[in-house]
Each structure stands twice: as C-alpha cells, then as structure tokens.
Amino acid sequence: MTALSVCLVLAGSHLVIPRQAVAASHFDGTWNLIFVTQRGACDPTYNFTVDVLNGNVSHPNILTFRGHVAPSGAVHASVRVGQKYASGSGRLSVMSGQGVWSGSSGGSRCTGAWTAQRN
C-alpha cells in the first residue's frame, strides 16, 4: 500500500470509532463553601453552594462563576458579582477541600482562605 492509502484507511477507521462521553469526576456533586477574609476590607465571610459536574464548577444563580476540578483534585475558580471579584485555588479530596483566594470589593483588595464540604 502507498503511504496515502494507509493514511486514508487509518483516517476512515477513526471516523467509525464512537467518541466516549465525558466521564464523571470523582468530585461531582454539591459542595458547601466558606470563604474567610484574612486581609482587606471585604466582608468577613462568604457562604454559598456550588455544583461540580464532569469536573466543571458552577453556581446555579451566578452566571459569572467559573471553575474546574482536575482529576487530581486541584481546583481553580473565579467569580464576579457587581463590583466584587475573587479567584482562588486549592485542592478537593473526596469529602472536603481547602485553599486560598484573593479578590476585590469596590476599591479594596482582599485575601483569605476557603474550605469546602461535600453535601
């Protein structure tokens, strides 16, 4: 067979292989988050719930909340609501997690820590 024929056969066989659906993440589910401000003039604490589906983190009522959990449990997320913005990173285990965040509220810069518990 010529090289072109081999390429066409391989390409054709690739087309008939069905693509697998995105596998569920070990971290999928509902998580309660607590953010504690350690420096800055932001609110002392923030509490809310997020959903993890296929490793993607979202909030049902905050469209500007974006995040992702890697298979290792490493998590990165950001949120913007009005004049408030925050981004954070950390790690989740099967039932809990923790990390750090930084952001701003109006003109104030803030930093802190967060914890998570799976529902």
PDB file of N, CA and C in Angstrom:
ATOM      1  N   MET A   1       0.843  -1.191   0.000  1.00  0.00           N
ATOM      2  CA  MET A   1       0.000   0.000   0.000  1.00  0.00           C
ATOM      3  C   MET A   1       0.878   1.240   0.000  1.00  0.00           C
ATOM      4  N   THR A   2       0.375   2.270  -0.615  1.00  0.00           N
ATOM      5  CA  THR A   2       1.114   3.522  -0.601  1.00  0.00           C
ATOM      6  C   THR A   2       0.853   4.233   0.711  1.00  0.00           C
ATOM      7  N   ALA A   3       1.682   5.213   1.004  1.00  0.00           N
ATOM      8  CA  ALA A   3       1.521   5.977   2.248  1.00  0.00           C
ATOM      9  C   ALA A   3       0.169   6.679   2.268  1.00  0.00           C
ATOM     10  N   LEU A   4      -0.285   7.173   1.124  1.00  0.00           N
ATOM     11  CA  LEU A   4      -1.578   7.860   1.055  1.00  0.00           C
ATOM     12  C   LEU A   4      -2.708   6.889   1.370  1.00  0.00           C
ATOM     13  N   SER A   5      -2.626   5.666   0.863  1.00  0.00           N
ATOM     14  CA  SER A   5      -3.662   4.671   1.137  1.00  0.00           C
ATOM     15  C   SER A   5      -3.720   4.336   2.618  1.00  0.00           C
ATOM     16  N   VAL A   6      -2.559   4.170   3.242  1.00  0.00           N
ATOM     17  CA  VAL A   6      -2.509   3.866   4.670  1.00  0.00           C
ATOM     18  C   VAL A   6      -3.149   4.992   5.463  1.00  0.00           C
ATOM     19  N   CYS A   7      -2.821   6.243   5.106  1.00  0.00           N
ATOM     20  CA  CYS A   7      -3.412   7.402   5.809  1.00  0.00           C
ATOM     21  C   CYS A   7      -4.922   7.425   5.664  1.00  0.00           C
ATOM     22  N   LEU A   8      -5.428   7.128   4.454  1.00  0.00           N
ATOM     23  CA  LEU A   8      -6.877   7.148   4.224  1.00  0.00           C
ATOM     24  C   LEU A   8      -7.561   6.033   5.012  1.00  0.00           C
ATOM     25  N   VAL A   9      -6.955   4.851   5.076  1.00  0.00           N
ATOM     26  CA  VAL A   9      -7.542   3.744   5.831  1.00  0.00           C
ATOM     27  C   VAL A   9      -7.570   4.097   7.319  1.00  0.00           C
ATOM     28  N   LEU A  10      -6.462   4.624   7.829  1.00  0.00           N
ATOM     29  CA  LEU A  10      -6.427   4.997   9.244  1.00  0.00           C
ATOM     30  C   LEU A  10      -7.426   6.107   9.553  1.00  0.00           C
ATOM     31  N   ALA A  11      -7.501   7.099   8.672  1.00  0.00           N
ATOM     32  CA  ALA A  11      -8.453   8.196   8.892  1.00  0.00           C
ATOM     33  C   ALA A  11      -9.880   7.681   8.843  1.00  0.00           C
ATOM     34  N   GLY A  12     -10.188   6.788   7.900  1.00  0.00           N
ATOM     35  CA  GLY A  12     -11.527   6.227   7.792  1.00  0.00           C
ATOM     36  C   GLY A  12     -11.901   5.388   8.998  1.00  0.00           C
ATOM     37  N   SER A  13     -10.930   4.616   9.507  1.00  0.00           N
ATOM     38  CA  SER A  13     -11.241   3.798  10.676  1.00  0.00           C
ATOM     39  C   SER A  13     -11.451   4.661  11.912  1.00  0.00           C
ATOM     40  N   HIS A  14     -10.839   5.810  11.953  1.00  0.00           N
ATOM     41  CA  HIS A  14     -11.014   6.729  13.076  1.00  0.00           C
ATOM     42  C   HIS A  14     -12.429   7.315  13.096  1.00  0.00           C
ATOM     43  N   LEU A  15     -13.022   7.447  11.910  1.00  0.00           N
ATOM     44  CA  LEU A  15     -14.356   8.042  11.827  1.00  0.00           C
ATOM     45  C   LEU A  15     -15.437   7.114  12.363  1.00  0.00           C
ATOM     46  N   VAL A  16     -15.236   5.796  12.311  1.00  0.00           N
ATOM     47  CA  VAL A  16     -16.277   4.881  12.758  1.00  0.00           C
ATOM     48  C   VAL A  16     -16.178   4.555  14.241  1.00  0.00           C
ATOM     49  N   ILE A  17     -15.113   4.983  14.911  1.00  0.00           N
ATOM     50  CA  ILE A  17     -14.985   4.739  16.343  1.00  0.00           C
ATOM     51  C   ILE A  17     -15.837   5.764  17.077  1.00  0.00           C
ATOM     52  N   PRO A  18     -16.836   5.328  17.860  1.00  0.00           N
ATOM     53  CA  PRO A  18     -17.671   6.302  18.564  1.00  0.00           C
ATOM     54  C   PRO A  18     -16.864   7.030  19.638  1.00  0.00           C
ATOM     55  N   ARG A  19     -17.143   8.285  19.787  1.00  0.00           N
ATOM     56  CA  ARG A  19     -16.487   9.066  20.830  1.00  0.00           C
ATOM     57  C   ARG A  19     -17.105   8.734  22.173  1.00  0.00           C
ATOM     58  N   GLN A  20     -16.272   8.643  23.187  1.00  0.00           N
ATOM     59  CA  GLN A  20     -16.775   8.349  24.517  1.00  0.00           C
ATOM     60  C   GLN A  20     -17.315   9.618  25.157  1.00  0.00           C
ATOM     61  N   ALA A  21     -18.345   9.463  25.938  1.00  0.00           N
ATOM     62  CA  ALA A  21     -18.900  10.599  26.672  1.00  0.00           C
ATOM     63  C   ALA A  21     -17.903  11.026  27.747  1.00  0.00           C
ATOM     64  N   VAL A  22     -17.984  12.283  28.131  1.00  0.00           N
ATOM     65  CA  VAL A  22     -17.110  12.789  29.186  1.00  0.00           C
ATOM     66  C   VAL A  22     -17.441  12.048  30.475  1.00  0.00           C
ATOM     67  N   ALA A  23     -16.429  11.487  31.079  1.00  0.00           N
ATOM     68  CA  ALA A  23     -16.639  10.708  32.301  1.00  0.00           C
ATOM     69  C   ALA A  23     -16.910  11.621  33.483  1.00  0.00           C
ATOM     70  N   ALA A  24     -17.699  11.136  34.394  1.00  0.00           N
ATOM     71  CA  ALA A  24     -17.988  11.896  35.606  1.00  0.00           C
ATOM     72  C   ALA A  24     -16.717  12.018  36.440  1.00  0.00           C
ATOM     73  N   SER A  25     -16.604  13.115  37.145  1.00  0.00           N
ATOM     74  CA  SER A  25     -15.472  13.374  38.024  1.00  0.00           C
ATOM     75  C   SER A  25     -15.739  12.747  39.388  1.00  0.00           C
ATOM     76  N   HIS A  26     -14.686  12.354  40.091  1.00  0.00           N
ATOM     77  CA  HIS A  26     -14.818  11.847  41.465  1.00  0.00           C
ATOM     78  C   HIS A  26     -15.363  12.934  42.394  1.00  0.00           C
ATOM     79  N   PHE A  27     -15.319  14.171  41.938  1.00  0.00           N
ATOM     80  CA  PHE A  27     -15.716  15.303  42.770  1.00  0.00           C
ATOM     81  C   PHE A  27     -17.094  15.844  42.417  1.00  0.00           C
ATOM     82  N   ASP A  28     -17.794  15.179  41.491  1.00  0.00           N
ATOM     83  CA  ASP A  28     -19.125  15.634  41.099  1.00  0.00           C
ATOM     84  C   ASP A  28     -20.065  15.617  42.301  1.00  0.00           C
ATOM     85  N   GLY A  29     -20.915  16.630  42.365  1.00  0.00           N
ATOM     86  CA  GLY A  29     -21.888  16.733  43.445  1.00  0.00           C
ATOM     87  C   GLY A  29     -22.020  18.173  43.899  1.00  0.00           C
ATOM     88  N   THR A  30     -22.701  18.358  45.001  1.00  0.00           N
ATOM     89  CA  THR A  30     -22.929  19.684  45.569  1.00  0.00           C
ATOM     90  C   THR A  30     -21.959  19.905  46.723  1.00  0.00           C
ATOM     91  N   TRP A  31     -21.351  21.080  46.766  1.00  0.00           N
ATOM     92  CA  TRP A  31     -20.351  21.429  47.775  1.00  0.00           C
ATOM     93  C   TRP A  31     -20.734  22.725  48.466  1.00  0.00           C
ATOM     94  N   ASN A  32     -20.611  22.757  49.794  1.00  0.00           N
ATOM     95  CA  ASN A  32     -20.796  23.987  50.575  1.00  0.00           C
ATOM     96  C   ASN A  32     -19.429  24.635  50.758  1.00  0.00           C
ATOM     97  N   LEU A  33     -19.342  25.921  50.441  1.00  0.00           N
ATOM     98  CA  LEU A  33     -18.085  26.659  50.535  1.00  0.00           C
ATOM     99  C   LEU A  33     -18.180  27.746  51.590  1.00  0.00           C
ATOM    100  N   ILE A  34     -17.099  27.939  52.319  1.00  0.00           N
ATOM    101  CA  ILE A  34     -16.979  29.054  53.264  1.00  0.00           C
ATOM    102  C   ILE A  34     -15.687  29.772  52.935  1.00  0.00           C
ATOM    103  N   PHE A  35     -15.809  31.063  52.633  1.00  0.00           N
ATOM    104  CA  PHE A  35     -14.654  31.915  52.354  1.00  0.00           C
ATOM    105  C   PHE A  35     -14.464  32.847  53.542  1.00  0.00           C
ATOM    106  N   VAL A  36     -13.264  32.901  54.080  1.00  0.00           N
ATOM    107  CA  VAL A  36     -12.950  33.748  55.225  1.00  0.00           C
ATOM    108  C   VAL A  36     -11.936  34.797  54.763  1.00  0.00           C
ATOM    109  N   THR A  37     -12.244  36.074  54.998  1.00  0.00           N
ATOM    110  CA  THR A  37     -11.317  37.156  54.665  1.00  0.00           C
ATOM    111  C   THR A  37     -10.269  37.250  55.762  1.00  0.00           C
ATOM    112  N   GLN A  38      -9.003  37.215  55.372  1.00  0.00           N
ATOM    113  CA  GLN A  38      -7.903  37.330  56.329  1.00  0.00           C
ATOM    114  C   GLN A  38      -7.219  38.686  56.259  1.00  0.00           C
ATOM    115  N   ARG A  39      -7.268  39.324  55.089  1.00  0.00           N
ATOM    116  CA  ARG A  39      -6.703  40.664  54.911  1.00  0.00           C
ATOM    117  C   ARG A  39      -7.605  41.461  53.993  1.00  0.00           C
ATOM    118  N   GLY A  40      -7.821  42.722  54.336  1.00  0.00           N
ATOM    119  CA  GLY A  40      -8.608  43.593  53.484  1.00  0.00           C
ATOM    120  C   GLY A  40      -9.963  43.917  54.075  1.00  0.00           C
ATOM    121  N   ALA A  41     -10.666  44.805  53.387  1.00  0.00           N
ATOM    122  CA  ALA A  41     -11.942  45.314  53.890  1.00  0.00           C
ATOM    123  C   ALA A  41     -13.147  44.640  53.246  1.00  0.00           C
ATOM    124  N   CYS A  42     -13.003  43.415  52.796  1.00  0.00           N
ATOM    125  CA  CYS A  42     -14.147  42.664  52.261  1.00  0.00           C
ATOM    126  C   CYS A  42     -14.981  42.139  53.423  1.00  0.00           C
ATOM    127  N   ASP A  43     -16.177  41.618  53.106  1.00  0.00           N
ATOM    128  CA  ASP A  43     -16.997  41.003  54.148  1.00  0.00           C
ATOM    129  C   ASP A  43     -16.176  39.929  54.864  1.00  0.00           C
ATOM    130  N   PRO A  44     -16.404  39.729  56.169  1.00  0.00           N
ATOM    131  CA  PRO A  44     -15.603  38.752  56.928  1.00  0.00           C
ATOM    132  C   PRO A  44     -15.717  37.325  56.412  1.00  0.00           C
ATOM    133  N   THR A  45     -16.930  36.911  56.002  1.00  0.00           N
ATOM    134  CA  THR A  45     -17.129  35.564  55.474  1.00  0.00           C
ATOM    135  C   THR A  45     -18.135  35.592  54.334  1.00  0.00           C
ATOM    136  N   TYR A  46     -18.004  34.625  53.476  1.00  0.00           N
ATOM    137  CA  TYR A  46     -18.954  34.389  52.390  1.00  0.00           C
ATOM    138  C   TYR A  46     -19.281  32.901  52.426  1.00  0.00           C
ATOM    139  N   ASN A  47     -20.556  32.568  52.334  1.00  0.00           N
ATOM    140  CA  ASN A  47     -21.005  31.176  52.312  1.00  0.00           C
ATOM    141  C   ASN A  47     -21.881  30.967  51.092  1.00  0.00           C
ATOM    142  N   PHE A  48     -21.617  29.943  50.331  1.00  0.00           N
ATOM    143  CA  PHE A  48     -22.529  29.562  49.261  1.00  0.00           C
ATOM    144  C   PHE A  48     -22.253  28.139  48.820  1.00  0.00           C
ATOM    145  N   THR A  49     -23.124  27.635  47.963  1.00  0.00           N
ATOM    146  CA  THR A  49     -23.076  26.262  47.483  1.00  0.00           C
ATOM    147  C   THR A  49     -22.777  26.269  45.995  1.00  0.00           C
ATOM    148  N   VAL A  50     -21.929  25.336  45.562  1.00  0.00           N
ATOM    149  CA  VAL A  50     -21.637  25.184  44.142  1.00  0.00           C
ATOM    150  C   VAL A  50     -21.898  23.743  43.733  1.00  0.00           C
ATOM    151  N   ASP A  51     -22.050  23.550  42.436  1.00  0.00           N
ATOM    152  CA  ASP A  51     -22.227  22.227  41.861  1.00  0.00           C
ATOM    153  C   ASP A  51     -21.001  21.874  41.031  1.00  0.00           C
ATOM    154  N   VAL A  52     -20.569  20.626  41.115  1.00  0.00           N
ATOM    155  CA  VAL A  52     -19.490  20.124  40.268  1.00  0.00           C
ATOM    156  C   VAL A  52     -20.096  19.045  39.379  1.00  0.00           C
ATOM    157  N   LEU A  53     -19.940  19.200  38.082  1.00  0.00           N
ATOM    158  CA  LEU A  53     -20.445  18.240  37.108  1.00  0.00           C
ATOM    159  C   LEU A  53     -19.369  18.030  36.055  1.00  0.00           C
ATOM    160  N   ASN A  54     -18.910  16.804  35.911  1.00  0.00           N
ATOM    161  CA  ASN A  54     -17.824  16.471  34.986  1.00  0.00           C
ATOM    162  C   ASN A  54     -16.594  17.334  35.234  1.00  0.00           C
ATOM    163  N   GLY A  55     -16.354  17.682  36.493  1.00  0.00           N
ATOM    164  CA  GLY A  55     -15.195  18.479  36.858  1.00  0.00           C
ATOM    165  C   GLY A  55     -15.372  19.972  36.705  1.00  0.00           C
ATOM    166  N   ASN A  56     -16.504  20.410  36.146  1.00  0.00           N
ATOM    167  CA  ASN A  56     -16.773  21.838  35.981  1.00  0.00           C
ATOM    168  C   ASN A  56     -17.546  22.356  37.184  1.00  0.00           C
ATOM    169  N   VAL A  57     -17.081  23.469  37.742  1.00  0.00           N
ATOM    170  CA  VAL A  57     -17.703  24.058  38.921  1.00  0.00           C
ATOM    171  C   VAL A  57     -18.613  25.191  38.477  1.00  0.00           C
ATOM    172  N   SER A  58     -19.846  25.204  38.994  1.00  0.00           N
ATOM    173  CA  SER A  58     -20.788  26.272  38.647  1.00  0.00           C
ATOM    174  C   SER A  58     -21.676  26.582  39.843  1.00  0.00           C
ATOM    175  N   HIS A  59     -22.320  27.722  39.770  1.00  0.00           N
ATOM    176  CA  HIS A  59     -23.293  28.134  40.775  1.00  0.00           C
ATOM    177  C   HIS A  59     -24.614  28.320  40.051  1.00  0.00           C
ATOM    178  N   PRO A  60     -25.721  27.795  40.586  1.00  0.00           N
ATOM    179  CA  PRO A  60     -26.992  27.853  39.851  1.00  0.00           C
ATOM    180  C   PRO A  60     -27.507  29.268  39.592  1.00  0.00           C
ATOM    181  N   ASN A  61     -27.125  30.245  40.417  1.00  0.00           N
ATOM    182  CA  ASN A  61     -27.654  31.603  40.257  1.00  0.00           C
ATOM    183  C   ASN A  61     -26.606  32.647  39.900  1.00  0.00           C
ATOM    184  N   ILE A  62     -25.345  32.257  39.827  1.00  0.00           N
ATOM    185  CA  ILE A  62     -24.286  33.215  39.491  1.00  0.00           C
ATOM    186  C   ILE A  62     -23.654  32.763  38.180  1.00  0.00           C
ATOM    187  N   LEU A  63     -24.054  33.403  37.085  1.00  0.00           N
ATOM    188  CA  LEU A  63     -23.574  33.005  35.773  1.00  0.00           C
ATOM    189  C   LEU A  63     -22.099  33.303  35.580  1.00  0.00           C
ATOM    190  N   THR A  64     -21.546  34.211  36.372  1.00  0.00           N
ATOM    191  CA  THR A  64     -20.143  34.586  36.205  1.00  0.00           C
ATOM    192  C   THR A  64     -19.215  33.766  37.093  1.00  0.00           C
ATOM    193  N   PHE A  65     -19.705  32.685  37.661  1.00  0.00           N
ATOM    194  CA  PHE A  65     -18.882  31.776  38.453  1.00  0.00           C
ATOM    195  C   PHE A  65     -18.332  30.707  37.522  1.00  0.00           C
ATOM    196  N   ARG A  66     -17.018  30.586  37.455  1.00  0.00           N
ATOM    197  CA  ARG A  66     -16.375  29.599  36.594  1.00  0.00           C
ATOM    198  C   ARG A  66     -15.313  28.852  37.385  1.00  0.00           C
ATOM    199  N   GLY A  67     -15.219  27.551  37.184  1.00  0.00           N
ATOM    200  CA  GLY A  67     -14.182  26.796  37.850  1.00  0.00           C
ATOM    201  C   GLY A  67     -14.036  25.406  37.278  1.00  0.00           C
ATOM    202  N   HIS A  68     -12.929  24.770  37.657  1.00  0.00           N
ATOM    203  CA  HIS A  68     -12.659  23.419  37.187  1.00  0.00           C
ATOM    204  C   HIS A  68     -11.891  22.651  38.251  1.00  0.00           C
ATOM    205  N   VAL A  69     -12.246  21.374  38.406  1.00  0.00           N
ATOM    206  CA  VAL A  69     -11.536  20.459  39.295  1.00  0.00           C
ATOM    207  C   VAL A  69     -10.834  19.425  38.425  1.00  0.00           C
ATOM    208  N   ALA A  70      -9.514  19.340  38.553  1.00  0.00           N
ATOM    209  CA  ALA A  70      -8.733  18.351  37.817  1.00  0.00           C
ATOM    210  C   ALA A  70      -8.919  16.966  38.456  1.00  0.00           C
ATOM    211  N   PRO A  71      -8.616  15.908  37.728  1.00  0.00           N
ATOM    212  CA  PRO A  71      -8.719  14.565  38.311  1.00  0.00           C
ATOM    213  C   PRO A  71      -7.898  14.400  39.593  1.00  0.00           C
ATOM    214  N   SER A  72      -6.840  15.189  39.752  1.00  0.00           N
ATOM    215  CA  SER A  72      -6.010  15.129  40.963  1.00  0.00           C
ATOM    216  C   SER A  72      -6.671  15.802  42.160  1.00  0.00           C
ATOM    217  N   GLY A  73      -7.742  16.585  41.911  1.00  0.00           N
ATOM    218  CA  GLY A  73      -8.400  17.336  42.974  1.00  0.00           C
ATOM    219  C   GLY A  73      -8.006  18.800  42.996  1.00  0.00           C
ATOM    220  N   ALA A  74      -7.016  19.183  42.198  1.00  0.00           N
ATOM    221  CA  ALA A  74      -6.641  20.601  42.115  1.00  0.00           C
ATOM    222  C   ALA A  74      -7.812  21.385  41.537  1.00  0.00           C
ATOM    223  N   VAL A  75      -8.147  22.490  42.179  1.00  0.00           N
ATOM    224  CA  VAL A  75      -9.293  23.282  41.750  1.00  0.00           C
ATOM    225  C   VAL A  75      -8.888  24.739  41.571  1.00  0.00           C
ATOM    226  N   HIS A  76      -9.446  25.363  40.530  1.00  0.00           N
ATOM    227  CA  HIS A  76      -9.264  26.788  40.259  1.00  0.00           C
ATOM    228  C   HIS A  76     -10.630  27.352  39.913  1.00  0.00           C
ATOM    229  N   ALA A  77     -10.955  28.528  40.451  1.00  0.00           N
ATOM    230  CA  ALA A  77     -12.268  29.121  40.184  1.00  0.00           C
ATOM    231  C   ALA A  77     -12.185  30.636  40.272  1.00  0.00           C
ATOM    232  N   SER A  78     -13.162  31.293  39.646  1.00  0.00           N
ATOM    233  CA  SER A  78     -13.280  32.746  39.750  1.00  0.00           C
ATOM    234  C   SER A  78     -14.752  33.130  39.695  1.00  0.00           C
ATOM    235  N   VAL A  79     -15.056  34.283  40.283  1.00  0.00           N
ATOM    236  CA  VAL A  79     -16.436  34.773  40.301  1.00  0.00           C
ATOM    237  C   VAL A  79     -16.421  36.290  40.280  1.00  0.00           C
ATOM    238  N   ARG A  80     -17.410  36.871  39.593  1.00  0.00           N
ATOM    239  CA  ARG A  80     -17.600  38.322  39.583  1.00  0.00           C
ATOM    240  C   ARG A  80     -19.081  38.596  39.798  1.00  0.00           C
ATOM    241  N   VAL A  81     -19.376  39.403  40.809  1.00  0.00           N
ATOM    242  CA  VAL A  81     -20.748  39.823  41.089  1.00  0.00           C
ATOM    243  C   VAL A  81     -20.694  41.321  41.359  1.00  0.00           C
ATOM    244  N   GLY A  82     -21.237  42.103  40.435  1.00  0.00           N
ATOM    245  CA  GLY A  82     -21.200  43.557  40.586  1.00  0.00           C
ATOM    246  C   GLY A  82     -19.771  44.048  40.690  1.00  0.00           C
ATOM    247  N   GLN A  83     -19.462  44.788  41.762  1.00  0.00           N
ATOM    248  CA  GLN A  83     -18.120  45.328  41.983  1.00  0.00           C
ATOM    249  C   GLN A  83     -17.198  44.355  42.711  1.00  0.00           C
ATOM    250  N   LYS A  84     -17.675  43.158  42.987  1.00  0.00           N
ATOM    251  CA  LYS A  84     -16.872  42.177  43.724  1.00  0.00           C
ATOM    252  C   LYS A  84     -16.318  41.128  42.762  1.00  0.00           C
ATOM    253  N   TYR A  85     -15.014  40.821  42.943  1.00  0.00           N
ATOM    254  CA  TYR A  85     -14.356  39.818  42.120  1.00  0.00           C
ATOM    255  C   TYR A  85     -13.446  38.983  43.010  1.00  0.00           C
ATOM    256  N   ALA A  86     -13.386  37.694  42.762  1.00  0.00           N
ATOM    257  CA  ALA A  86     -12.465  36.828  43.505  1.00  0.00           C
ATOM    258  C   ALA A  86     -12.039  35.660  42.625  1.00  0.00           C
ATOM    259  N   SER A  87     -10.827  35.205  42.859  1.00  0.00           N
ATOM    260  CA  SER A  87     -10.350  33.976  42.230  1.00  0.00           C
ATOM    261  C   SER A  87      -9.605  33.186  43.282  1.00  0.00           C
ATOM    262  N   GLY A  88      -9.621  31.887  43.130  1.00  0.00           N
ATOM    263  CA  GLY A  88      -8.964  31.065  44.135  1.00  0.00           C
ATOM    264  C   GLY A  88      -8.500  29.751  43.574  1.00  0.00           C
ATOM    265  N   SER A  89      -7.721  29.075  44.387  1.00  0.00           N
ATOM    266  CA  SER A  89      -7.224  27.761  44.021  1.00  0.00           C
ATOM    267  C   SER A  89      -7.066  26.934  45.292  1.00  0.00           C
ATOM    268  N   GLY A  90      -6.958  25.642  45.103  1.00  0.00           N
ATOM    269  CA  GLY A  90      -6.799  24.750  46.244  1.00  0.00           C
ATOM    270  C   GLY A  90      -6.928  23.320  45.807  1.00  0.00           C
ATOM    271  N   ARG A  91      -7.383  22.482  46.731  1.00  0.00           N
ATOM    272  CA  ARG A  91      -7.484  21.058  46.450  1.00  0.00           C
ATOM    273  C   ARG A  91      -8.713  20.482  47.141  1.00  0.00           C
ATOM    274  N   LEU A  92      -9.391  19.603  46.412  1.00  0.00           N
ATOM    275  CA  LEU A  92     -10.505  18.852  46.979  1.00  0.00           C
ATOM    276  C   LEU A  92     -10.066  17.414  47.218  1.00  0.00           C
ATOM    277  N   SER A  93     -10.594  16.820  48.278  1.00  0.00           N
ATOM    278  CA  SER A  93     -10.497  15.379  48.482  1.00  0.00           C
ATOM    279  C   SER A  93     -11.902  14.836  48.253  1.00  0.00           C
ATOM    280  N   VAL A  94     -12.161  13.616  48.604  1.00  0.00           N
ATOM    281  CA  VAL A  94     -13.467  13.027  48.328  1.00  0.00           C
ATOM    282  C   VAL A  94     -14.596  13.776  49.034  1.00  0.00           C
ATOM    283  N   MET A  95     -14.383  14.223  50.273  1.00  0.00           N
ATOM    284  CA  MET A  95     -15.463  14.836  51.042  1.00  0.00           C
ATOM    285  C   MET A  95     -15.211  16.277  51.477  1.00  0.00           C
ATOM    286  N   SER A  96     -14.001  16.811  51.307  1.00  0.00           N
ATOM    287  CA  SER A  96     -13.709  18.161  51.776  1.00  0.00           C
ATOM    288  C   SER A  96     -12.629  18.790  50.913  1.00  0.00           C
ATOM    289  N   GLY A  97     -12.357  20.051  51.190  1.00  0.00           N
ATOM    290  CA  GLY A  97     -11.310  20.742  50.451  1.00  0.00           C
ATOM    291  C   GLY A  97     -10.930  22.029  51.144  1.00  0.00           C
ATOM    292  N   GLN A  98      -9.839  22.616  50.655  1.00  0.00           N
ATOM    293  CA  GLN A  98      -9.388  23.889  51.198  1.00  0.00           C
ATOM    294  C   GLN A  98      -8.479  24.577  50.193  1.00  0.00           C
ATOM    295  N   GLY A  99      -8.313  25.882  50.392  1.00  0.00           N
ATOM    296  CA  GLY A  99      -7.445  26.633  49.504  1.00  0.00           C
ATOM    297  C   GLY A  99      -7.376  28.084  49.898  1.00  0.00           C
ATOM    298  N   VAL A 100      -6.894  28.901  48.987  1.00  0.00           N
ATOM    299  CA  VAL A 100      -6.739  30.337  49.207  1.00  0.00           C
ATOM    300  C   VAL A 100      -7.461  31.095  48.102  1.00  0.00           C
ATOM    301  N   TRP A 101      -7.763  32.356  48.386  1.00  0.00           N
ATOM    302  CA  TRP A 101      -8.411  33.201  47.395  1.00  0.00           C
ATOM    303  C   TRP A 101      -7.883  34.627  47.539  1.00  0.00           C
ATOM    304  N   SER A 102      -8.072  35.396  46.477  1.00  0.00           N
ATOM    305  CA  SER A 102      -7.788  36.833  46.511  1.00  0.00           C
ATOM    306  C   SER A 102      -8.820  37.512  45.635  1.00  0.00           C
ATOM    307  N   GLY A 103      -9.066  38.776  45.918  1.00  0.00           N
ATOM    308  CA  GLY A 103     -10.070  39.483  45.139  1.00  0.00           C
ATOM    309  C   GLY A 103     -10.191  40.923  45.546  1.00  0.00           C
ATOM    310  N   SER A 104     -11.297  41.511  45.127  1.00  0.00           N
ATOM    311  CA  SER A 104     -11.549  42.910  45.439  1.00  0.00           C
ATOM    312  C   SER A 104     -13.036  43.142  45.627  1.00  0.00           C
ATOM    313  N   SER A 105     -13.326  44.125  46.446  1.00  0.00           N
ATOM    314  CA  SER A 105     -14.696  44.556  46.682  1.00  0.00           C
ATOM    315  C   SER A 105     -14.679  46.066  46.575  1.00  0.00           C
ATOM    316  N   GLY A 106     -15.224  46.588  45.468  1.00  0.00           N
ATOM    317  CA  GLY A 106     -15.088  48.015  45.221  1.00  0.00           C
ATOM    318  C   GLY A 106     -13.624  48.328  44.984  1.00  0.00           C
ATOM    319  N   GLY A 107     -13.040  49.182  45.806  1.00  0.00           N
ATOM    320  CA  GLY A 107     -11.631  49.518  45.677  1.00  0.00           C
ATOM    321  C   GLY A 107     -10.723  48.758  46.621  1.00  0.00           C
ATOM    322  N   SER A 108     -11.280  47.905  47.467  1.00  0.00           N
ATOM    323  CA  SER A 108     -10.480  47.190  48.465  1.00  0.00           C
ATOM    324  C   SER A 108      -9.975  45.856  47.925  1.00  0.00           C
ATOM    325  N   ARG A 109      -8.690  45.587  48.144  1.00  0.00           N
ATOM    326  CA  ARG A 109      -8.118  44.285  47.809  1.00  0.00           C
ATOM    327  C   ARG A 109      -8.206  43.386  49.037  1.00  0.00           C
ATOM    328  N   CYS A 110      -8.509  42.120  48.817  1.00  0.00           N
ATOM    329  CA  CYS A 110      -8.684  41.192  49.927  1.00  0.00           C
ATOM    330  C   CYS A 110      -8.034  39.857  49.608  1.00  0.00           C
ATOM    331  N   THR A 111      -7.652  39.146  50.660  1.00  0.00           N
ATOM    332  CA  THR A 111      -7.152  37.779  50.529  1.00  0.00           C
ATOM    333  C   THR A 111      -7.725  36.948  51.676  1.00  0.00           C
ATOM    334  N   GLY A 112      -7.715  35.657  51.475  1.00  0.00           N
ATOM    335  CA  GLY A 112      -8.228  34.799  52.527  1.00  0.00           C
ATOM    336  C   GLY A 112      -8.090  33.334  52.196  1.00  0.00           C
ATOM    337  N   ALA A 113      -8.815  32.526  52.951  1.00  0.00           N
ATOM    338  CA  ALA A 113      -8.806  31.081  52.796  1.00  0.00           C
ATOM    339  C   ALA A 113     -10.227  30.593  52.600  1.00  0.00           C
ATOM    340  N   TRP A 114     -10.372  29.423  51.993  1.00  0.00           N
ATOM    341  CA  TRP A 114     -11.687  28.816  51.831  1.00  0.00           C
ATOM    342  C   TRP A 114     -11.636  27.352  52.242  1.00  0.00           C
ATOM    343  N   THR A 115     -12.780  26.859  52.655  1.00  0.00           N
ATOM    344  CA  THR A 115     -12.958  25.448  52.945  1.00  0.00           C
ATOM    345  C   THR A 115     -14.208  24.959  52.226  1.00  0.00           C
ATOM    346  N   ALA A 116     -14.257  23.672  51.972  1.00  0.00           N
ATOM    347  CA  ALA A 116     -15.405  23.073  51.276  1.00  0.00           C
ATOM    348  C   ALA A 116     -15.783  21.766  51.948  1.00  0.00           C
ATOM    349  N   GLN A 117     -17.087  21.483  51.955  1.00  0.00           N
ATOM    350  CA  GLN A 117     -17.611  20.219  52.437  1.00  0.00           C
ATOM    351  C   GLN A 117     -18.608  19.704  51.419  1.00  0.00           C
ATOM    352  N   ARG A 118     -18.488  18.448  51.045  1.00  0.00           N
ATOM    353  CA  ARG A 118     -19.450  17.858  50.109  1.00  0.00           C
ATOM    354  C   ARG A 118     -20.773  17.630  50.818  1.00  0.00           C
ATOM    355  N   ASN A 119     -21.877  17.938  50.153  1.00  0.00           N
ATOM    356  CA  ASN A 119     -23.213  17.670  50.702  1.00  0.00           C
ATOM    357  C   ASN A 119     -23.502  16.195  50.656  1.00  0.00           C
TER     358      ASN A 119
END
